[in-house]
PDB file of N, CA and C in Angstrom:
ATOM      1  N   MET A   1     -36.904   5.117 -16.949  1.00  0.00           N
ATOM      2  CA  MET A   1     -35.871   4.106 -16.751  1.00  0.00           C
ATOM      3  C   MET A   1     -34.522   4.611 -17.260  1.00  0.00           C
ATOM      4  N   THR A   2     -34.511   5.285 -18.380  1.00  0.00           N
ATOM      5  CA  THR A   2     -33.270   5.802 -18.947  1.00  0.00           C
ATOM      6  C   THR A   2     -32.633   6.811 -18.004  1.00  0.00           C
ATOM      7  N   TRP A   3     -33.465   7.689 -17.415  1.00  0.00           N
ATOM      8  CA  TRP A   3     -32.931   8.691 -16.495  1.00  0.00           C
ATOM      9  C   TRP A   3     -32.330   8.019 -15.261  1.00  0.00           C
ATOM     10  N   PHE A   4     -32.945   6.971 -14.791  1.00  0.00           N
ATOM     11  CA  PHE A   4     -32.421   6.252 -13.636  1.00  0.00           C
ATOM     12  C   PHE A   4     -31.059   5.647 -13.952  1.00  0.00           C
ATOM     13  N   LEU A   5     -30.904   5.037 -15.112  1.00  0.00           N
ATOM     14  CA  LEU A   5     -29.618   4.443 -15.494  1.00  0.00           C
ATOM     15  C   LEU A   5     -28.531   5.512 -15.646  1.00  0.00           C
ATOM     16  N   LEU A   6     -28.890   6.642 -16.237  1.00  0.00           N
ATOM     17  CA  LEU A   6     -27.930   7.738 -16.366  1.00  0.00           C
ATOM     18  C   LEU A   6     -27.510   8.266 -14.992  1.00  0.00           C
ATOM     19  N   PHE A   7     -28.479   8.428 -14.108  1.00  0.00           N
ATOM     20  CA  PHE A   7     -28.186   8.893 -12.758  1.00  0.00           C
ATOM     21  C   PHE A   7     -27.287   7.891 -12.021  1.00  0.00           C
ATOM     22  N   ALA A   8     -27.603   6.604 -12.102  1.00  0.00           N
ATOM     23  CA  ALA A   8     -26.799   5.565 -11.436  1.00  0.00           C
ATOM     24  C   ALA A   8     -25.376   5.549 -11.998  1.00  0.00           C
ATOM     25  N   ALA A   9     -25.231   5.662 -13.313  1.00  0.00           N
ATOM     26  CA  ALA A   9     -23.899   5.687 -13.919  1.00  0.00           C
ATOM     27  C   ALA A   9     -23.114   6.913 -13.449  1.00  0.00           C
ATOM     28  N   LEU A  10     -23.792   8.050 -13.341  1.00  0.00           N
ATOM     29  CA  LEU A  10     -23.151   9.275 -12.873  1.00  0.00           C
ATOM     30  C   LEU A  10     -22.685   9.126 -11.419  1.00  0.00           C
ATOM     31  N   VAL A  11     -23.522   8.579 -10.564  1.00  0.00           N
ATOM     32  CA  VAL A  11     -23.172   8.393  -9.154  1.00  0.00           C
ATOM     33  C   VAL A  11     -21.978   7.443  -9.032  1.00  0.00           C
ATOM     34  N   PHE A  12     -22.003   6.326  -9.716  1.00  0.00           N
ATOM     35  CA  PHE A  12     -20.881   5.391  -9.657  1.00  0.00           C
ATOM     36  C   PHE A  12     -19.612   6.014 -10.232  1.00  0.00           C
ATOM     37  N   GLY A  13     -19.748   6.760 -11.324  1.00  0.00           N
ATOM     38  CA  GLY A  13     -18.594   7.415 -11.925  1.00  0.00           C
ATOM     39  C   GLY A  13     -17.945   8.411 -10.978  1.00  0.00           C
ATOM     40  N   ILE A  14     -18.762   9.222 -10.318  1.00  0.00           N
ATOM     41  CA  ILE A  14     -18.228  10.196  -9.364  1.00  0.00           C
ATOM     42  C   ILE A  14     -17.563   9.498  -8.187  1.00  0.00           C
ATOM     43  N   TYR A  15     -18.192   8.443  -7.681  1.00  0.00           N
ATOM     44  CA  TYR A  15     -17.619   7.705  -6.551  1.00  0.00           C
ATOM     45  C   TYR A  15     -16.243   7.144  -6.903  1.00  0.00           C
ATOM     46  N   PHE A  16     -16.121   6.456  -8.019  1.00  0.00           N
ATOM     47  CA  PHE A  16     -14.837   5.858  -8.388  1.00  0.00           C
ATOM     48  C   PHE A  16     -13.803   6.900  -8.774  1.00  0.00           C
ATOM     49  N   TRP A  17     -14.230   8.015  -9.358  1.00  0.00           N
ATOM     50  CA  TRP A  17     -13.294   9.096  -9.673  1.00  0.00           C
ATOM     51  C   TRP A  17     -12.711   9.688  -8.394  1.00  0.00           C
ATOM     52  N   ARG A  18     -13.553   9.879  -7.370  1.00  0.00           N
ATOM     53  CA  ARG A  18     -13.056  10.413  -6.087  1.00  0.00           C
ATOM     54  C   ARG A  18     -12.090   9.437  -5.421  1.00  0.00           C
ATOM     55  N   GLN A  19     -12.358   8.145  -5.491  1.00  0.00           N
ATOM     56  CA  GLN A  19     -11.439   7.145  -4.940  1.00  0.00           C
ATOM     57  C   GLN A  19     -10.103   7.201  -5.665  1.00  0.00           C
ATOM     58  N   TYR A  20     -10.140   7.279  -6.976  1.00  0.00           N
ATOM     59  CA  TYR A  20      -8.929   7.356  -7.793  1.00  0.00           C
ATOM     60  C   TYR A  20      -8.118   8.604  -7.438  1.00  0.00           C
ATOM     61  N   ARG A  21      -8.781   9.757  -7.364  1.00  0.00           N
ATOM     62  CA  ARG A  21      -8.083  11.009  -7.040  1.00  0.00           C
ATOM     63  C   ARG A  21      -7.483  10.956  -5.641  1.00  0.00           C
ATOM     64  N   SER A  22      -8.158  10.349  -4.703  1.00  0.00           N
ATOM     65  CA  SER A  22      -7.641  10.224  -3.340  1.00  0.00           C
ATOM     66  C   SER A  22      -6.346   9.415  -3.332  1.00  0.00           C
ATOM     67  N   ARG A  23      -6.322   8.300  -4.053  1.00  0.00           N
ATOM     68  CA  ARG A  23      -5.109   7.478  -4.141  1.00  0.00           C
ATOM     69  C   ARG A  23      -3.985   8.230  -4.845  1.00  0.00           C
ATOM     70  N   GLN A  24      -4.325   8.970  -5.897  1.00  0.00           N
ATOM     71  CA  GLN A  24      -3.306   9.731  -6.624  1.00  0.00           C
ATOM     72  C   GLN A  24      -2.694  10.810  -5.747  1.00  0.00           C
ATOM     73  N   ARG A  25      -3.510  11.513  -4.969  1.00  0.00           N
ATOM     74  CA  ARG A  25      -2.993  12.549  -4.068  1.00  0.00           C
ATOM     75  C   ARG A  25      -2.051  11.948  -3.046  1.00  0.00           C
ATOM     76  N   GLU A  26      -2.399  10.767  -2.543  1.00  0.00           N
ATOM     77  CA  GLU A  26      -1.535  10.091  -1.569  1.00  0.00           C
ATOM     78  C   GLU A  26      -0.207   9.696  -2.208  1.00  0.00           C
ATOM     79  N   LEU A  27      -0.248   9.170  -3.427  1.00  0.00           N
ATOM     80  CA  LEU A  27       0.983   8.767  -4.096  1.00  0.00           C
ATOM     81  C   LEU A  27       1.856   9.960  -4.477  1.00  0.00           C
ATOM     82  N   GLU A  28       1.247  11.096  -4.789  1.00  0.00           N
ATOM     83  CA  GLU A  28       1.988  12.282  -5.188  1.00  0.00           C
ATOM     84  C   GLU A  28       2.473  13.104  -3.996  1.00  0.00           C
ATOM     85  N   SER A  29       2.042  12.753  -2.814  1.00  0.00           N
ATOM     86  CA  SER A  29       2.413  13.499  -1.616  1.00  0.00           C
ATOM     87  C   SER A  29       3.921  13.409  -1.380  1.00  0.00           C
ATOM     88  N   PRO A  30       4.564  14.526  -1.018  1.00  0.00           N
ATOM     89  CA  PRO A  30       6.008  14.477  -0.758  1.00  0.00           C
ATOM     90  C   PRO A  30       6.358  13.688   0.495  1.00  0.00           C
ATOM     91  N   THR A  31       5.385  13.399   1.335  1.00  0.00           N
ATOM     92  CA  THR A  31       5.659  12.637   2.557  1.00  0.00           C
ATOM     93  C   THR A  31       5.198  11.186   2.460  1.00  0.00           C
ATOM     94  N   ALA A  32       4.870  10.721   1.274  1.00  0.00           N
ATOM     95  CA  ALA A  32       4.443   9.326   1.104  1.00  0.00           C
ATOM     96  C   ALA A  32       5.599   8.390   1.438  1.00  0.00           C
ATOM     97  N   ASP A  33       5.285   7.258   2.045  1.00  0.00           N
ATOM     98  CA  ASP A  33       6.312   6.301   2.474  1.00  0.00           C
ATOM     99  C   ASP A  33       7.230   5.867   1.341  1.00  0.00           C
ATOM    100  N   HIS A  34       6.673   5.646   0.157  1.00  0.00           N
ATOM    101  CA  HIS A  34       7.502   5.161  -0.940  1.00  0.00           C
ATOM    102  C   HIS A  34       8.505   6.207  -1.397  1.00  0.00           C
ATOM    103  N   ARG A  35       8.271   7.472  -1.099  1.00  0.00           N
ATOM    104  CA  ARG A  35       9.216   8.514  -1.466  1.00  0.00           C
ATOM    105  C   ARG A  35      10.312   8.658  -0.419  1.00  0.00           C
ATOM    106  N   LEU A  36       9.974   8.566   0.824  1.00  0.00           N
ATOM    107  CA  LEU A  36      10.924   8.831   1.897  1.00  0.00           C
ATOM    108  C   LEU A  36      11.728   7.603   2.310  1.00  0.00           C
ATOM    109  N   GLY A  37      11.297   6.451   1.948  1.00  0.00           N
ATOM    110  CA  GLY A  37      12.034   5.257   2.327  1.00  0.00           C
ATOM    111  C   GLY A  37      11.786   4.823   3.756  1.00  0.00           C
ATOM    112  N   LEU A  38      10.743   5.348   4.385  1.00  0.00           N
ATOM    113  CA  LEU A  38      10.466   4.999   5.774  1.00  0.00           C
ATOM    114  C   LEU A  38      10.199   3.509   5.965  1.00  0.00           C
ATOM    115  N   LYS A  39       9.673   2.882   4.943  1.00  0.00           N
ATOM    116  CA  LYS A  39       9.354   1.459   5.075  1.00  0.00           C
ATOM    117  C   LYS A  39      10.606   0.591   5.117  1.00  0.00           C
ATOM    118  N   HIS A  40      11.760   1.158   4.771  1.00  0.00           N
ATOM    119  CA  HIS A  40      12.992   0.381   4.762  1.00  0.00           C
ATOM    120  C   HIS A  40      13.749   0.437   6.084  1.00  0.00           C
ATOM    121  N   ILE A  41      13.322   1.286   7.011  1.00  0.00           N
ATOM    122  CA  ILE A  41      14.019   1.385   8.290  1.00  0.00           C
ATOM    123  C   ILE A  41      13.965   0.039   8.997  1.00  0.00           C
ATOM    124  N   GLY A  42      15.133  -0.415   9.430  1.00  0.00           N
ATOM    125  CA  GLY A  42      15.248  -1.698  10.121  1.00  0.00           C
ATOM    126  C   GLY A  42      15.684  -2.837   9.222  1.00  0.00           C
ATOM    127  N   GLN A  43      15.664  -2.651   7.909  1.00  0.00           N
ATOM    128  CA  GLN A  43      16.063  -3.723   7.000  1.00  0.00           C
ATOM    129  C   GLN A  43      17.583  -3.871   6.992  1.00  0.00           C
ATOM    130  N   ALA A  44      18.027  -5.094   6.903  1.00  0.00           N
ATOM    131  CA  ALA A  44      19.453  -5.388   6.787  1.00  0.00           C
ATOM    132  C   ALA A  44      19.770  -5.673   5.321  1.00  0.00           C
ATOM    133  N   VAL A  45      20.904  -5.124   4.857  1.00  0.00           N
ATOM    134  CA  VAL A  45      21.298  -5.242   3.460  1.00  0.00           C
ATOM    135  C   VAL A  45      22.788  -5.521   3.394  1.00  0.00           C
ATOM    136  N   VAL A  46      23.208  -6.356   2.433  1.00  0.00           N
ATOM    137  CA  VAL A  46      24.627  -6.585   2.180  1.00  0.00           C
ATOM    138  C   VAL A  46      25.052  -5.614   1.083  1.00  0.00           C
ATOM    139  N   LEU A  47      26.119  -4.872   1.344  1.00  0.00           N
ATOM    140  CA  LEU A  47      26.591  -3.867   0.383  1.00  0.00           C
ATOM    141  C   LEU A  47      27.173  -4.525  -0.857  1.00  0.00           C
ATOM    142  N   GLU A  48      26.718  -4.109  -2.016  1.00  0.00           N
ATOM    143  CA  GLU A  48      27.294  -4.579  -3.272  1.00  0.00           C
ATOM    144  C   GLU A  48      28.479  -3.709  -3.667  1.00  0.00           C
ATOM    145  N   GLN A  49      28.436  -2.438  -3.252  1.00  0.00           N
ATOM    146  CA  GLN A  49      29.516  -1.487  -3.507  1.00  0.00           C
ATOM    147  C   GLN A  49      29.973  -0.939  -2.162  1.00  0.00           C
ATOM    148  N   PRO A  50      31.242  -0.577  -2.029  1.00  0.00           N
ATOM    149  CA  PRO A  50      31.702  -0.045  -0.742  1.00  0.00           C
ATOM    150  C   PRO A  50      31.142   1.348  -0.469  1.00  0.00           C
ATOM    151  N   LEU A  51      31.043   1.677   0.819  1.00  0.00           N
ATOM    152  CA  LEU A  51      30.705   3.043   1.218  1.00  0.00           C
ATOM    153  C   LEU A  51      32.029   3.766   1.388  1.00  0.00           C
ATOM    154  N   GLU A  52      32.290   4.731   0.531  1.00  0.00           N
ATOM    155  CA  GLU A  52      33.542   5.472   0.580  1.00  0.00           C
ATOM    156  C   GLU A  52      33.264   6.885   1.046  1.00  0.00           C
ATOM    157  N   ASN A  53      34.054   7.347   2.010  1.00  0.00           N
ATOM    158  CA  ASN A  53      33.862   8.672   2.609  1.00  0.00           C
ATOM    159  C   ASN A  53      32.452   8.821   3.174  1.00  0.00           C
ATOM    160  N   GLY A  54      31.889   7.730   3.635  1.00  0.00           N
ATOM    161  CA  GLY A  54      30.569   7.766   4.246  1.00  0.00           C
ATOM    162  C   GLY A  54      29.410   7.834   3.284  1.00  0.00           C
ATOM    163  N   LYS A  55      29.661   7.708   1.969  1.00  0.00           N
ATOM    164  CA  LYS A  55      28.584   7.797   0.985  1.00  0.00           C
ATOM    165  C   LYS A  55      28.625   6.604   0.037  1.00  0.00           C
ATOM    166  N   GLY A  56      27.455   6.228  -0.457  1.00  0.00           N
ATOM    167  CA  GLY A  56      27.378   5.131  -1.417  1.00  0.00           C
ATOM    168  C   GLY A  56      25.957   4.942  -1.907  1.00  0.00           C
ATOM    169  N   ARG A  57      25.722   3.784  -2.516  1.00  0.00           N
ATOM    170  CA  ARG A  57      24.402   3.471  -3.054  1.00  0.00           C
ATOM    171  C   ARG A  57      24.094   2.007  -2.752  1.00  0.00           C
ATOM    172  N   ILE A  58      22.814   1.728  -2.487  1.00  0.00           N
ATOM    173  CA  ILE A  58      22.348   0.352  -2.298  1.00  0.00           C
ATOM    174  C   ILE A  58      21.068   0.172  -3.085  1.00  0.00           C
ATOM    175  N   ARG A  59      20.742  -1.075  -3.335  1.00  0.00           N
ATOM    176  CA  ARG A  59      19.506  -1.398  -4.051  1.00  0.00           C
ATOM    177  C   ARG A  59      18.551  -2.058  -3.061  1.00  0.00           C
ATOM    178  N   LEU A  60      17.379  -1.444  -2.897  1.00  0.00           N
ATOM    179  CA  LEU A  60      16.314  -1.994  -2.058  1.00  0.00           C
ATOM    180  C   LEU A  60      15.053  -2.043  -2.897  1.00  0.00           C
ATOM    181  N   GLY A  61      14.481  -3.216  -3.001  1.00  0.00           N
ATOM    182  CA  GLY A  61      13.297  -3.362  -3.844  1.00  0.00           C
ATOM    183  C   GLY A  61      13.680  -3.151  -5.292  1.00  0.00           C
ATOM    184  N   ASN A  62      12.951  -2.313  -5.979  1.00  0.00           N
ATOM    185  CA  ASN A  62      13.253  -2.050  -7.386  1.00  0.00           C
ATOM    186  C   ASN A  62      13.870  -0.671  -7.573  1.00  0.00           C
ATOM    187  N   ARG A  63      14.437  -0.111  -6.512  1.00  0.00           N
ATOM    188  CA  ARG A  63      14.995   1.236  -6.579  1.00  0.00           C
ATOM    189  C   ARG A  63      16.395   1.274  -5.972  1.00  0.00           C
ATOM    190  N   GLU A  64      17.221   2.123  -6.534  1.00  0.00           N
ATOM    191  CA  GLU A  64      18.554   2.338  -5.986  1.00  0.00           C
ATOM    192  C   GLU A  64      18.518   3.594  -5.121  1.00  0.00           C
ATOM    193  N   TRP A  65      19.048   3.493  -3.899  1.00  0.00           N
ATOM    194  CA  TRP A  65      19.007   4.588  -2.936  1.00  0.00           C
ATOM    195  C   TRP A  65      20.413   5.090  -2.646  1.00  0.00           C
ATOM    196  N   ALA A  66      20.529   6.397  -2.451  1.00  0.00           N
ATOM    197  CA  ALA A  66      21.767   6.964  -1.934  1.00  0.00           C
ATOM    198  C   ALA A  66      21.785   6.693  -0.442  1.00  0.00           C
ATOM    199  N   VAL A  67      22.961   6.321   0.088  1.00  0.00           N
ATOM    200  CA  VAL A  67      23.073   6.025   1.514  1.00  0.00           C
ATOM    201  C   VAL A  67      24.230   6.805   2.117  1.00  0.00           C
ATOM    202  N   ARG A  68      24.132   7.004   3.425  1.00  0.00           N
ATOM    203  CA  ARG A  68      25.180   7.676   4.169  1.00  0.00           C
ATOM    204  C   ARG A  68      25.420   6.881   5.441  1.00  0.00           C
ATOM    205  N   GLY A  69      26.702   6.674   5.751  1.00  0.00           N
ATOM    206  CA  GLY A  69      27.056   5.912   6.941  1.00  0.00           C
ATOM    207  C   GLY A  69      28.559   5.815   7.056  1.00  0.00           C
ATOM    208  N   PRO A  70      29.043   4.931   7.914  1.00  0.00           N
ATOM    209  CA  PRO A  70      30.488   4.779   8.071  1.00  0.00           C
ATOM    210  C   PRO A  70      31.116   4.160   6.825  1.00  0.00           C
ATOM    211  N   THR A  71      32.412   4.409   6.644  1.00  0.00           N
ATOM    212  CA  THR A  71      33.138   3.818   5.519  1.00  0.00           C
ATOM    213  C   THR A  71      33.214   2.305   5.736  1.00  0.00           C
ATOM    214  N   LEU A  72      32.680   1.552   4.773  1.00  0.00           N
ATOM    215  CA  LEU A  72      32.616   0.096   4.873  1.00  0.00           C
ATOM    216  C   LEU A  72      32.971  -0.528   3.529  1.00  0.00           C
ATOM    217  N   PRO A  73      33.550  -1.727   3.547  1.00  0.00           N
ATOM    218  CA  PRO A  73      33.868  -2.400   2.280  1.00  0.00           C
ATOM    219  C   PRO A  73      32.635  -3.069   1.673  1.00  0.00           C
ATOM    220  N   ALA A  74      32.733  -3.429   0.400  1.00  0.00           N
ATOM    221  CA  ALA A  74      31.665  -4.189  -0.255  1.00  0.00           C
ATOM    222  C   ALA A  74      31.535  -5.534   0.447  1.00  0.00           C
ATOM    223  N   GLY A  75      30.342  -6.023   0.598  1.00  0.00           N
ATOM    224  CA  GLY A  75      30.089  -7.288   1.269  1.00  0.00           C
ATOM    225  C   GLY A  75      29.758  -7.126   2.742  1.00  0.00           C
ATOM    226  N   ALA A  76      29.908  -5.921   3.283  1.00  0.00           N
ATOM    227  CA  ALA A  76      29.575  -5.689   4.690  1.00  0.00           C
ATOM    228  C   ALA A  76      28.059  -5.645   4.846  1.00  0.00           C
ATOM    229  N   LYS A  77      27.585  -6.089   6.005  1.00  0.00           N
ATOM    230  CA  LYS A  77      26.156  -6.081   6.273  1.00  0.00           C
ATOM    231  C   LYS A  77      25.812  -4.805   7.029  1.00  0.00           C
ATOM    232  N   VAL A  78      24.813  -4.060   6.504  1.00  0.00           N
ATOM    233  CA  VAL A  78      24.387  -2.818   7.140  1.00  0.00           C
ATOM    234  C   VAL A  78      22.889  -2.870   7.423  1.00  0.00           C
ATOM    235  N   ARG A  79      22.473  -2.019   8.349  1.00  0.00           N
ATOM    236  CA  ARG A  79      21.060  -1.910   8.686  1.00  0.00           C
ATOM    237  C   ARG A  79      20.637  -0.457   8.468  1.00  0.00           C
ATOM    238  N   VAL A  80      19.475  -0.278   7.846  1.00  0.00           N
ATOM    239  CA  VAL A  80      18.940   1.067   7.624  1.00  0.00           C
ATOM    240  C   VAL A  80      18.410   1.576   8.965  1.00  0.00           C
ATOM    241  N   THR A  81      18.951   2.721   9.411  1.00  0.00           N
ATOM    242  CA  THR A  81      18.579   3.260  10.721  1.00  0.00           C
ATOM    243  C   THR A  81      17.733   4.521  10.643  1.00  0.00           C
ATOM    244  N   GLY A  82      17.686   5.160   9.477  1.00  0.00           N
ATOM    245  CA  GLY A  82      16.908   6.381   9.369  1.00  0.00           C
ATOM    246  C   GLY A  82      16.874   6.899   7.946  1.00  0.00           C
ATOM    247  N   VAL A  83      16.231   8.057   7.791  1.00  0.00           N
ATOM    248  CA  VAL A  83      16.081   8.665   6.478  1.00  0.00           C
ATOM    249  C   VAL A  83      16.333  10.162   6.623  1.00  0.00           C
ATOM    250  N   ASP A  84      17.085  10.717   5.681  1.00  0.00           N
ATOM    251  CA  ASP A  84      17.330  12.153   5.630  1.00  0.00           C
ATOM    252  C   ASP A  84      16.954  12.615   4.224  1.00  0.00           C
ATOM    253  N   GLY A  85      15.713  13.059   4.051  1.00  0.00           N
ATOM    254  CA  GLY A  85      15.223  13.416   2.723  1.00  0.00           C
ATOM    255  C   GLY A  85      15.078  12.167   1.877  1.00  0.00           C
ATOM    256  N   THR A  86      15.910  12.050   0.835  1.00  0.00           N
ATOM    257  CA  THR A  86      15.877  10.862  -0.006  1.00  0.00           C
ATOM    258  C   THR A  86      17.124  10.011   0.193  1.00  0.00           C
ATOM    259  N   VAL A  87      17.874  10.272   1.249  1.00  0.00           N
ATOM    260  CA  VAL A  87      19.087   9.514   1.554  1.00  0.00           C
ATOM    261  C   VAL A  87      18.812   8.612   2.755  1.00  0.00           C
ATOM    262  N   LEU A  88      19.129   7.325   2.608  1.00  0.00           N
ATOM    263  CA  LEU A  88      18.967   6.392   3.713  1.00  0.00           C
ATOM    264  C   LEU A  88      20.212   6.440   4.589  1.00  0.00           C
ATOM    265  N   LEU A  89      20.013   6.437   5.895  1.00  0.00           N
ATOM    266  CA  LEU A  89      21.126   6.410   6.843  1.00  0.00           C
ATOM    267  C   LEU A  89      21.338   4.976   7.270  1.00  0.00           C
ATOM    268  N   VAL A  90      22.575   4.506   7.182  1.00  0.00           N
ATOM    269  CA  VAL A  90      22.869   3.116   7.523  1.00  0.00           C
ATOM    270  C   VAL A  90      23.968   3.047   8.575  1.00  0.00           C
ATOM    271  N   ASP A  91      24.005   1.918   9.259  1.00  0.00           N
ATOM    272  CA  ASP A  91      25.055   1.644  10.229  1.00  0.00           C
ATOM    273  C   ASP A  91      25.398   0.168  10.125  1.00  0.00           C
ATOM    274  N   ARG A  92      26.586  -0.180  10.567  1.00  0.00           N
ATOM    275  CA  ARG A  92      27.026  -1.576  10.522  1.00  0.00           C
ATOM    276  C   ARG A  92      26.055  -2.443  11.301  1.00  0.00           C
ATOM    277  N   ALA A  93      25.623  -3.535  10.706  1.00  0.00           N
ATOM    278  CA  ALA A  93      24.688  -4.451  11.370  1.00  0.00           C
ATOM    279  C   ALA A  93      25.481  -5.397  12.262  1.00  0.00           C
ATOM    280  N   PRO A  94      24.942  -5.721  13.431  1.00  0.00           N
ATOM    281  CA  PRO A  94      25.624  -6.685  14.302  1.00  0.00           C
ATOM    282  C   PRO A  94      25.706  -8.052  13.629  1.00  0.00           C
ATOM    283  N   ALA A  95      26.781  -8.733  13.872  1.00  0.00           N
ATOM    284  CA  ALA A  95      27.002 -10.033  13.223  1.00  0.00           C
ATOM    285  C   ALA A  95      26.129 -11.087  13.730  1.00  0.00           C
TER     286      ALA A  95
END
């Protein structure tokens, strides 16, 4: 009986360890959605700071992103249209 319990604990331990490692590899991947910002494409955001010389920063979720787009004043509504590495590409959103 003791050997059976040890074997069962070992099998469950290996199974859950492999699940954990699989999730960790996905999160550490350089192409994971949370790293590239792909999930933000299509979102509309109101600028808190102006985009000067085509560059600025916006806050989406719990992260601040560097953005690139046309020069716009603070308070303008923009839409995320793409991603270039870790920089979100934005364009003026239709009114």
